[in-house]
Each structure stands twice: as C-alpha cells, then as structure tokens.
Amino acid sequence: MARIKSGIVTRKRHKRMLKLAKGFYGRRKSTYKNAAESVERALANAYVGRKNRKRDFRRLWITRISAACALNSINYSKFMGLYLKSGGKLNRKMLSEIAIHDPEYFSSLVKGIRLSS
C-alpha cells in the first residue's frame, strides 16, 4: 500500500488557525502552536463574554427602572410586582427606555398601577 502524506490537510488546518490569530501580538500570530492556544482561549472567552453581555444589559435596565421608580416614590420590586400582576406586556428593556426618554409617561404608568392595585 502506498504511503499517504497529509501535508496538504495539515497546511490547510494551520492556515485556518493562523487566519483566526490575525491581529495577535508576537509569536501568537505567526507560529501554529502559540496561535492555536491563543485562539482557543480567545474563542472560549468570547463565548463567556456573549453570556455576560446579556447579564450586564439586564442589570443596566433594572438600575434605570429602579432610579425612575425612586423618583416616583416606589421601589423597584414593588413596581415590577404590581406591573406584572396588572398584566403589563412591556419587558425591562422597553420600561427602561420609557423611564429615560419619557419620564412623564413612566410617572403616569406608576400612578395607573397604584390605582389598579
């Protein structure tokens, strides 16, 4: 049986990894071993970062709603409890946008919730 060398496949795999390492500093971009380690770590951190971004935005929205609630003399948890009980359809992102860009409407929303409870 003839000997089969895998140079083409290996070169293709190495080139793909080095392409992902573009922009890295020093040997991390030019040698396969260092590039492979760095790219693997970078991809893992990117995955974690995508999850953390969702967490961070939710925290931001809650903080904004909480600040707007404080101006209307109600705390965040009480507001959200009453809002969800009253059948509110808006999510936290939209509520935070309303709280920032239209504080009068947010105040009327709080008053409406208080009257309904």
N, C-alpha and C. Protein backbone atom coordinates (compact mmCIF):
# COMPACT_ATOMS: atom_id res chain seq x y z
N MET A 1 0.84 -1.17 0.00
CA MET A 1 0.00 0.00 0.00
C MET A 1 0.89 1.24 0.00
N ALA A 2 0.48 2.23 -0.74
CA ALA A 2 1.29 3.44 -0.90
C ALA A 2 1.20 4.32 0.35
N ARG A 3 2.29 5.00 0.60
CA ARG A 3 2.34 5.91 1.73
C ARG A 3 1.58 7.19 1.37
N ILE A 4 0.75 7.66 2.30
CA ILE A 4 -0.01 8.88 2.06
C ILE A 4 0.46 9.93 3.06
N LYS A 5 0.91 11.04 2.51
CA LYS A 5 1.34 12.15 3.37
C LYS A 5 0.18 13.14 3.50
N SER A 6 0.07 13.71 4.67
CA SER A 6 -1.08 14.60 4.91
C SER A 6 -0.65 16.06 4.96
N GLY A 7 0.35 16.43 4.19
CA GLY A 7 0.87 17.80 4.20
C GLY A 7 -0.17 18.83 3.80
N ILE A 8 -0.99 18.50 2.81
CA ILE A 8 -1.98 19.45 2.32
C ILE A 8 -3.02 19.74 3.40
N VAL A 9 -3.49 18.69 4.04
CA VAL A 9 -4.51 18.83 5.08
C VAL A 9 -3.96 19.60 6.27
N THR A 10 -2.75 19.27 6.68
CA THR A 10 -2.12 19.94 7.82
C THR A 10 -1.92 21.42 7.52
N ARG A 11 -1.43 21.71 6.33
CA ARG A 11 -1.20 23.11 5.95
C ARG A 11 -2.50 23.90 5.96
N LYS A 12 -3.55 23.26 5.48
CA LYS A 12 -4.86 23.92 5.44
C LYS A 12 -5.36 24.22 6.86
N ARG A 13 -5.21 23.25 7.75
CA ARG A 13 -5.62 23.43 9.14
C ARG A 13 -4.81 24.53 9.81
N HIS A 14 -3.50 24.54 9.56
CA HIS A 14 -2.63 25.55 10.16
C HIS A 14 -2.98 26.95 9.64
N LYS A 15 -3.21 27.04 8.35
CA LYS A 15 -3.54 28.34 7.76
C LYS A 15 -4.86 28.88 8.33
N ARG A 16 -5.81 27.99 8.53
CA ARG A 16 -7.10 28.41 9.10
C ARG A 16 -6.90 28.96 10.51
N MET A 17 -6.08 28.30 11.30
CA MET A 17 -5.83 28.75 12.67
C MET A 17 -5.06 30.07 12.67
N LEU A 18 -4.06 30.20 11.80
CA LEU A 18 -3.28 31.43 11.76
C LEU A 18 -4.13 32.60 11.26
N LYS A 19 -5.10 32.32 10.42
CA LYS A 19 -6.00 33.37 9.95
C LYS A 19 -6.85 33.88 11.12
N LEU A 20 -7.27 32.98 11.99
CA LEU A 20 -8.04 33.39 13.17
C LEU A 20 -7.19 34.21 14.14
N ALA A 21 -5.86 33.98 14.12
CA ALA A 21 -4.95 34.67 15.04
C ALA A 21 -4.48 36.01 14.48
N LYS A 22 -5.05 36.44 13.38
CA LYS A 22 -4.65 37.72 12.79
C LYS A 22 -4.89 38.85 13.79
N GLY A 23 -3.90 39.70 13.96
CA GLY A 23 -4.02 40.81 14.89
C GLY A 23 -3.43 40.51 16.26
N PHE A 24 -3.05 39.28 16.51
CA PHE A 24 -2.42 38.95 17.79
C PHE A 24 -0.99 39.47 17.77
N TYR A 25 -0.37 39.52 18.95
CA TYR A 25 0.94 40.13 19.10
C TYR A 25 2.03 39.07 19.18
N GLY A 26 3.14 39.31 18.52
CA GLY A 26 4.31 38.45 18.62
C GLY A 26 4.12 37.10 17.96
N ARG A 27 4.63 36.05 18.62
CA ARG A 27 4.56 34.71 18.06
C ARG A 27 3.14 34.15 18.04
N ARG A 28 2.26 34.78 18.77
CA ARG A 28 0.88 34.29 18.81
C ARG A 28 0.23 34.33 17.44
N LYS A 29 0.72 35.20 16.58
CA LYS A 29 0.12 35.29 15.25
C LYS A 29 0.89 34.51 14.20
N SER A 30 2.11 34.11 14.50
CA SER A 30 2.93 33.55 13.43
C SER A 30 3.27 32.07 13.59
N THR A 31 3.31 31.57 14.82
CA THR A 31 3.62 30.15 14.99
C THR A 31 2.34 29.39 15.33
N TYR A 32 2.19 28.24 14.75
CA TYR A 32 0.93 27.50 14.87
C TYR A 32 0.61 27.14 16.31
N LYS A 33 1.59 26.64 17.05
CA LYS A 33 1.33 26.17 18.41
C LYS A 33 0.82 27.30 19.30
N ASN A 34 1.54 28.42 19.28
CA ASN A 34 1.13 29.57 20.09
C ASN A 34 -0.20 30.15 19.62
N ALA A 35 -0.38 30.19 18.31
CA ALA A 35 -1.63 30.72 17.76
C ALA A 35 -2.81 29.84 18.16
N ALA A 36 -2.63 28.53 18.10
CA ALA A 36 -3.72 27.61 18.42
C ALA A 36 -4.15 27.78 19.88
N GLU A 37 -3.19 27.90 20.78
CA GLU A 37 -3.52 28.10 22.19
C GLU A 37 -4.26 29.41 22.40
N SER A 38 -3.76 30.47 21.77
CA SER A 38 -4.36 31.79 21.95
C SER A 38 -5.75 31.87 21.35
N VAL A 39 -5.91 31.27 20.17
CA VAL A 39 -7.22 31.31 19.51
C VAL A 39 -8.24 30.51 20.31
N GLU A 40 -7.84 29.37 20.82
CA GLU A 40 -8.76 28.55 21.60
C GLU A 40 -9.23 29.30 22.85
N ARG A 41 -8.29 29.96 23.52
CA ARG A 41 -8.64 30.73 24.70
C ARG A 41 -9.53 31.92 24.32
N ALA A 42 -9.19 32.57 23.21
CA ALA A 42 -9.98 33.73 22.78
C ALA A 42 -11.41 33.33 22.44
N LEU A 43 -11.58 32.20 21.79
CA LEU A 43 -12.93 31.75 21.44
C LEU A 43 -13.73 31.39 22.69
N ALA A 44 -13.07 30.80 23.66
CA ALA A 44 -13.75 30.46 24.91
C ALA A 44 -14.18 31.73 25.64
N ASN A 45 -13.30 32.73 25.68
CA ASN A 45 -13.63 33.98 26.35
C ASN A 45 -14.72 34.74 25.61
N ALA A 46 -14.74 34.63 24.29
CA ALA A 46 -15.78 35.28 23.50
C ALA A 46 -17.14 34.68 23.83
N TYR A 47 -17.18 33.38 24.01
CA TYR A 47 -18.43 32.70 24.37
C TYR A 47 -18.94 33.21 25.72
N VAL A 48 -18.03 33.27 26.69
CA VAL A 48 -18.39 33.74 28.02
C VAL A 48 -18.84 35.20 27.95
N GLY A 49 -18.14 35.98 27.14
CA GLY A 49 -18.47 37.40 27.00
C GLY A 49 -19.86 37.63 26.45
N ARG A 50 -20.28 36.79 25.52
CA ARG A 50 -21.63 36.92 24.96
C ARG A 50 -22.69 36.67 26.03
N LYS A 51 -22.42 35.75 26.93
CA LYS A 51 -23.36 35.48 28.02
C LYS A 51 -23.35 36.63 29.03
N ASN A 52 -22.17 37.15 29.33
CA ASN A 52 -22.05 38.24 30.30
C ASN A 52 -22.72 39.52 29.80
N ARG A 53 -22.67 39.75 28.48
CA ARG A 53 -23.28 40.96 27.92
C ARG A 53 -24.78 40.98 28.20
N LYS A 54 -25.43 39.84 28.07
CA LYS A 54 -26.86 39.76 28.36
C LYS A 54 -27.13 40.09 29.83
N ARG A 55 -26.29 39.55 30.70
CA ARG A 55 -26.41 39.78 32.13
C ARG A 55 -26.22 41.27 32.45
N ASP A 56 -25.20 41.88 31.83
CA ASP A 56 -24.89 43.29 32.09
C ASP A 56 -26.02 44.21 31.64
N PHE A 57 -26.60 43.92 30.47
CA PHE A 57 -27.68 44.77 29.98
C PHE A 57 -28.91 44.67 30.89
N ARG A 58 -29.21 43.47 31.34
CA ARG A 58 -30.36 43.32 32.25
C ARG A 58 -30.14 44.11 33.53
N ARG A 59 -28.91 44.08 34.06
CA ARG A 59 -28.59 44.86 35.26
C ARG A 59 -28.75 46.35 35.00
N LEU A 60 -28.35 46.80 33.82
CA LEU A 60 -28.48 48.21 33.46
C LEU A 60 -29.94 48.63 33.40
N TRP A 61 -30.77 47.80 32.75
CA TRP A 61 -32.19 48.12 32.64
C TRP A 61 -32.85 48.19 34.01
N ILE A 62 -32.50 47.24 34.88
CA ILE A 62 -33.08 47.22 36.22
C ILE A 62 -32.66 48.45 37.00
N THR A 63 -31.41 48.86 36.85
CA THR A 63 -30.92 50.05 37.55
C THR A 63 -31.66 51.30 37.07
N ARG A 64 -31.89 51.40 35.77
CA ARG A 64 -32.60 52.55 35.22
C ARG A 64 -34.05 52.59 35.72
N ILE A 65 -34.71 51.45 35.69
CA ILE A 65 -36.09 51.40 36.16
C ILE A 65 -36.15 51.73 37.65
N SER A 66 -35.19 51.22 38.41
CA SER A 66 -35.14 51.47 39.84
C SER A 66 -34.97 52.96 40.14
N ALA A 67 -34.12 53.63 39.35
CA ALA A 67 -33.91 55.07 39.55
C ALA A 67 -35.19 55.84 39.24
N ALA A 68 -35.88 55.45 38.18
CA ALA A 68 -37.13 56.12 37.82
C ALA A 68 -38.20 55.85 38.87
N CYS A 69 -38.22 54.65 39.43
CA CYS A 69 -39.17 54.32 40.48
C CYS A 69 -38.90 55.15 41.74
N ALA A 70 -37.64 55.36 42.04
CA ALA A 70 -37.28 56.15 43.22
C ALA A 70 -37.81 57.58 43.09
N LEU A 71 -37.80 58.12 41.88
CA LEU A 71 -38.33 59.46 41.65
C LEU A 71 -39.85 59.49 41.85
N ASN A 72 -40.49 58.35 41.69
CA ASN A 72 -41.94 58.25 41.87
C ASN A 72 -42.31 57.61 43.21
N SER A 73 -41.36 57.58 44.12
CA SER A 73 -41.52 57.07 45.50
C SER A 73 -42.15 55.68 45.57
N ILE A 74 -41.56 54.78 44.81
CA ILE A 74 -41.91 53.36 44.89
C ILE A 74 -40.62 52.59 44.63
N ASN A 75 -40.46 51.44 45.25
CA ASN A 75 -39.23 50.70 44.97
C ASN A 75 -39.43 49.76 43.77
N TYR A 76 -38.32 49.29 43.24
CA TYR A 76 -38.33 48.52 42.00
C TYR A 76 -39.14 47.24 42.13
N SER A 77 -38.92 46.49 43.21
CA SER A 77 -39.58 45.18 43.33
C SER A 77 -41.09 45.34 43.45
N LYS A 78 -41.52 46.35 44.20
CA LYS A 78 -42.95 46.59 44.34
C LYS A 78 -43.56 47.00 43.00
N PHE A 79 -42.85 47.87 42.27
CA PHE A 79 -43.33 48.31 40.97
C PHE A 79 -43.47 47.15 40.00
N MET A 80 -42.43 46.32 39.91
CA MET A 80 -42.47 45.20 38.96
C MET A 80 -43.54 44.18 39.35
N GLY A 81 -43.70 43.96 40.65
CA GLY A 81 -44.74 43.03 41.10
C GLY A 81 -46.12 43.50 40.70
N LEU A 82 -46.40 44.78 40.96
CA LEU A 82 -47.70 45.34 40.61
C LEU A 82 -47.88 45.41 39.10
N TYR A 83 -46.80 45.75 38.40
CA TYR A 83 -46.88 45.86 36.93
C TYR A 83 -47.20 44.52 36.29
N LEU A 84 -46.54 43.48 36.73
CA LEU A 84 -46.78 42.15 36.15
C LEU A 84 -48.15 41.61 36.55
N LYS A 85 -48.60 41.91 37.77
CA LYS A 85 -49.94 41.48 38.19
C LYS A 85 -51.03 42.17 37.39
N SER A 86 -50.77 43.43 37.03
CA SER A 86 -51.77 44.19 36.27
C SER A 86 -51.77 43.80 34.78
N GLY A 87 -50.93 42.86 34.40
CA GLY A 87 -50.92 42.38 33.02
C GLY A 87 -50.04 43.20 32.10
N GLY A 88 -48.99 43.79 32.62
CA GLY A 88 -48.08 44.59 31.80
C GLY A 88 -47.36 43.74 30.77
N LYS A 89 -47.29 44.25 29.55
CA LYS A 89 -46.70 43.49 28.45
C LYS A 89 -45.28 43.92 28.10
N LEU A 90 -44.84 45.06 28.61
CA LEU A 90 -43.52 45.56 28.24
C LEU A 90 -42.43 44.85 29.04
N ASN A 91 -41.30 44.60 28.38
CA ASN A 91 -40.18 43.98 29.09
C ASN A 91 -39.32 45.06 29.74
N ARG A 92 -38.31 44.66 30.47
CA ARG A 92 -37.48 45.60 31.22
C ARG A 92 -36.73 46.56 30.31
N LYS A 93 -36.33 46.09 29.14
CA LYS A 93 -35.62 46.96 28.20
C LYS A 93 -36.51 48.14 27.78
N MET A 94 -37.74 47.84 27.42
CA MET A 94 -38.66 48.89 26.99
C MET A 94 -39.04 49.81 28.15
N LEU A 95 -39.24 49.24 29.34
CA LEU A 95 -39.55 50.06 30.50
C LEU A 95 -38.42 51.03 30.82
N SER A 96 -37.16 50.56 30.67
CA SER A 96 -36.03 51.45 30.95
C SER A 96 -35.94 52.56 29.91
N GLU A 97 -36.25 52.24 28.65
CA GLU A 97 -36.25 53.28 27.60
C GLU A 97 -37.32 54.33 27.90
N ILE A 98 -38.49 53.89 28.32
CA ILE A 98 -39.57 54.82 28.68
C ILE A 98 -39.13 55.68 29.86
N ALA A 99 -38.52 55.04 30.85
CA ALA A 99 -38.08 55.77 32.05
C ALA A 99 -37.08 56.87 31.71
N ILE A 100 -36.24 56.64 30.70
CA ILE A 100 -35.23 57.63 30.34
C ILE A 100 -35.81 58.71 29.44
N HIS A 101 -36.52 58.29 28.38
CA HIS A 101 -36.91 59.23 27.34
C HIS A 101 -38.27 59.88 27.56
N ASP A 102 -39.11 59.30 28.39
CA ASP A 102 -40.44 59.86 28.64
C ASP A 102 -40.83 59.68 30.10
N PRO A 103 -40.20 60.45 30.99
CA PRO A 103 -40.45 60.28 32.42
C PRO A 103 -41.90 60.57 32.83
N GLU A 104 -42.57 61.48 32.09
CA GLU A 104 -43.97 61.79 32.42
C GLU A 104 -44.85 60.56 32.21
N TYR A 105 -44.62 59.87 31.10
CA TYR A 105 -45.41 58.67 30.83
C TYR A 105 -45.11 57.58 31.86
N PHE A 106 -43.85 57.47 32.26
CA PHE A 106 -43.49 56.48 33.28
C PHE A 106 -44.20 56.81 34.60
N SER A 107 -44.29 58.10 34.94
CA SER A 107 -45.00 58.50 36.16
C SER A 107 -46.47 58.13 36.08
N SER A 108 -47.07 58.36 34.90
CA SER A 108 -48.48 58.00 34.74
C SER A 108 -48.67 56.49 34.81
N LEU A 109 -47.67 55.74 34.32
CA LEU A 109 -47.71 54.28 34.40
C LEU A 109 -47.69 53.83 35.86
N VAL A 110 -46.84 54.45 36.66
CA VAL A 110 -46.75 54.11 38.08
C VAL A 110 -48.07 54.45 38.78
N LYS A 111 -48.63 55.63 38.48
CA LYS A 111 -49.90 56.03 39.11
C LYS A 111 -51.02 55.07 38.71
N GLY A 112 -51.04 54.68 37.45
CA GLY A 112 -52.08 53.74 36.98
C GLY A 112 -51.97 52.40 37.67
N ILE A 113 -50.76 51.95 37.89
CA ILE A 113 -50.54 50.67 38.57
C ILE A 113 -51.00 50.76 40.02
N ARG A 114 -50.71 51.89 40.67
CA ARG A 114 -51.09 52.06 42.08
C ARG A 114 -52.61 52.08 42.21
N LEU A 115 -53.30 52.72 41.26
CA LEU A 115 -54.76 52.80 41.32
C LEU A 115 -55.40 51.44 41.11
N SER A 116 -54.80 50.63 40.22
CA SER A 116 -55.39 49.33 39.92
C SER A 116 -55.22 48.31 41.05
N SER A 117 -54.23 48.53 41.92
CA SER A 117 -53.97 47.54 42.97
C SER A 117 -54.82 47.78 44.21
